[in-house]
Amino acid sequence: MTDEKNLIEALEEDKNSFAKNEFLQYMYSEFTGVYNNSHSRELLENVVDYCVSNIFDVKDELVTTLETLIPEIKRSEIIQFVNLEENYELSEDDMELLLSKDI
C-alpha cells in the first residue's frame, strides 16, 4: 500500500487534488501481472490523464469513471487518492468507504 505520509504530501501539492503519480505507482505495484509492460502502463496513464483532465468537476464522477474504466481496482482504493479538502462533492457512500477501516 502507498505510504500514507507520502500520499498526504502529494495530495497537498497536487494542483488538481488527485494524486495521479501515486495512484499510478499503486496500480503498478498492486497489479503487477496486468501492468507488466510499457503498453499497458501507457494505456493506464492515458486513461487517468483523460479522466483527470476532462471529468474533474465532481470527484464522484472522477472516481466512478476510473472505477468503470479500470476493472482491476475498487472504488475504495481510488478514493484514497482524492483530496477531499477541496470543495468537491463526494457521495455519502464514498465518504463512508473513505472513513471505514477497509481501505
Protein backbone atom coordinates (compact mmCIF):
# COMPACT_ATOMS: atom_id res chain seq x y z
CA MET A 1 0.00 0.00 0.00
CA THR A 2 1.11 3.58 -0.64
CA ASP A 3 2.95 5.22 2.24
CA GLU A 4 0.32 7.39 3.93
CA LYS A 5 2.67 10.32 4.63
CA ASN A 6 3.83 10.48 1.00
CA LEU A 7 0.25 10.28 -0.21
CA ILE A 8 -0.85 13.14 2.05
CA GLU A 9 2.08 15.28 0.87
CA ALA A 10 1.28 14.52 -2.76
CA LEU A 11 -2.37 15.46 -2.28
CA GLU A 12 -1.38 18.73 -0.65
CA GLU A 13 0.96 19.58 -3.54
CA ASP A 14 -1.22 18.31 -6.37
CA LYS A 15 -2.97 21.24 -8.04
CA ASN A 16 -5.76 19.01 -9.31
CA SER A 17 -6.33 17.40 -5.91
CA PHE A 18 -5.79 13.91 -7.29
CA ALA A 19 -2.50 12.18 -6.56
CA LYS A 20 -2.05 10.85 -10.08
CA ASN A 21 1.56 9.68 -9.82
CA GLU A 22 0.94 7.93 -6.51
CA PHE A 23 -2.19 6.34 -7.97
CA LEU A 24 -0.22 5.04 -10.95
CA GLN A 25 2.52 3.66 -8.70
CA TYR A 26 -0.12 1.96 -6.58
CA MET A 27 -1.65 0.37 -9.68
CA TYR A 28 1.74 -0.84 -10.94
CA SER A 29 2.67 -2.35 -7.58
CA GLU A 30 -0.72 -3.92 -6.78
CA PHE A 31 -1.44 -5.30 -10.24
CA THR A 32 1.99 -6.36 -11.48
CA GLY A 33 0.56 -9.05 -13.74
CA VAL A 34 -1.65 -6.54 -15.54
CA TYR A 35 0.74 -3.60 -15.82
CA ASN A 36 3.90 -5.54 -16.58
CA ASN A 37 4.70 -3.92 -19.92
CA SER A 38 5.05 -0.41 -21.28
CA HIS A 39 1.94 -0.68 -23.47
CA SER A 40 -0.42 -1.45 -20.58
CA ARG A 41 1.22 1.21 -18.37
CA GLU A 42 0.90 3.83 -21.10
CA LEU A 43 -2.74 2.88 -21.66
CA LEU A 44 -3.44 3.28 -17.93
CA GLU A 45 -1.65 6.65 -17.84
CA ASN A 46 -3.70 7.88 -20.81
CA VAL A 47 -6.96 6.80 -19.17
CA VAL A 48 -6.05 8.55 -15.92
CA ASP A 49 -4.88 11.70 -17.74
CA TYR A 50 -8.11 11.83 -19.70
CA CYS A 51 -10.24 11.39 -16.60
CA VAL A 52 -8.36 13.96 -14.56
CA SER A 53 -8.38 16.49 -17.42
CA ASN A 54 -11.97 16.06 -18.55
CA ILE A 55 -14.01 14.72 -15.63
CA PHE A 56 -12.83 16.76 -12.71
CA ASP A 57 -15.86 18.89 -11.85
CA VAL A 58 -17.21 16.43 -9.32
CA LYS A 59 -14.92 13.97 -7.53
CA ASP A 60 -17.67 11.37 -7.53
CA GLU A 61 -17.66 11.43 -11.34
CA LEU A 62 -13.90 11.02 -11.42
CA VAL A 63 -14.00 8.06 -9.04
CA THR A 64 -16.91 6.44 -10.87
CA THR A 65 -15.28 6.87 -14.28
CA LEU A 66 -11.94 5.45 -13.13
CA GLU A 67 -13.73 2.55 -11.46
CA THR A 68 -15.66 1.83 -14.67
CA LEU A 69 -12.67 2.08 -17.00
CA ILE A 70 -10.20 0.18 -14.80
CA PRO A 71 -11.82 -3.10 -13.79
CA GLU A 72 -8.94 -4.22 -11.54
CA ILE A 73 -9.49 -1.53 -8.92
CA LYS A 74 -12.23 -0.98 -6.34
CA ARG A 75 -13.88 2.33 -5.58
CA SER A 76 -12.45 2.36 -2.05
CA GLU A 77 -8.93 2.12 -3.49
CA ILE A 78 -9.43 5.10 -5.82
CA ILE A 79 -10.94 7.34 -3.14
CA GLN A 80 -7.75 7.34 -1.08
CA PHE A 81 -6.01 9.29 -3.89
CA VAL A 82 -8.61 12.08 -3.96
CA ASN A 83 -8.02 15.22 -1.92
CA LEU A 84 -11.25 15.78 -0.03
CA GLU A 85 -10.15 19.08 1.50
CA GLU A 86 -11.19 20.83 -1.69
CA ASN A 87 -14.81 21.83 -2.23
CA TYR A 88 -15.74 18.88 -4.38
CA GLU A 89 -18.75 16.69 -3.93
CA LEU A 90 -18.42 13.07 -2.93
CA SER A 91 -21.39 10.83 -2.30
CA GLU A 92 -22.28 9.75 1.23
CA ASP A 93 -21.45 6.14 0.33
CA ASP A 94 -17.99 7.19 -0.79
CA MET A 95 -17.45 9.16 2.38
CA GLU A 96 -18.37 6.06 4.39
CA LEU A 97 -15.92 3.99 2.31
CA LEU A 98 -13.19 6.52 2.91
CA LEU A 99 -13.80 6.67 6.63
CA SER A 100 -14.07 2.91 7.03
CA LYS A 101 -11.16 0.76 8.15
CA ASP A 102 -11.44 -1.33 4.97
CA ILE A 103 -9.31 0.98 2.85
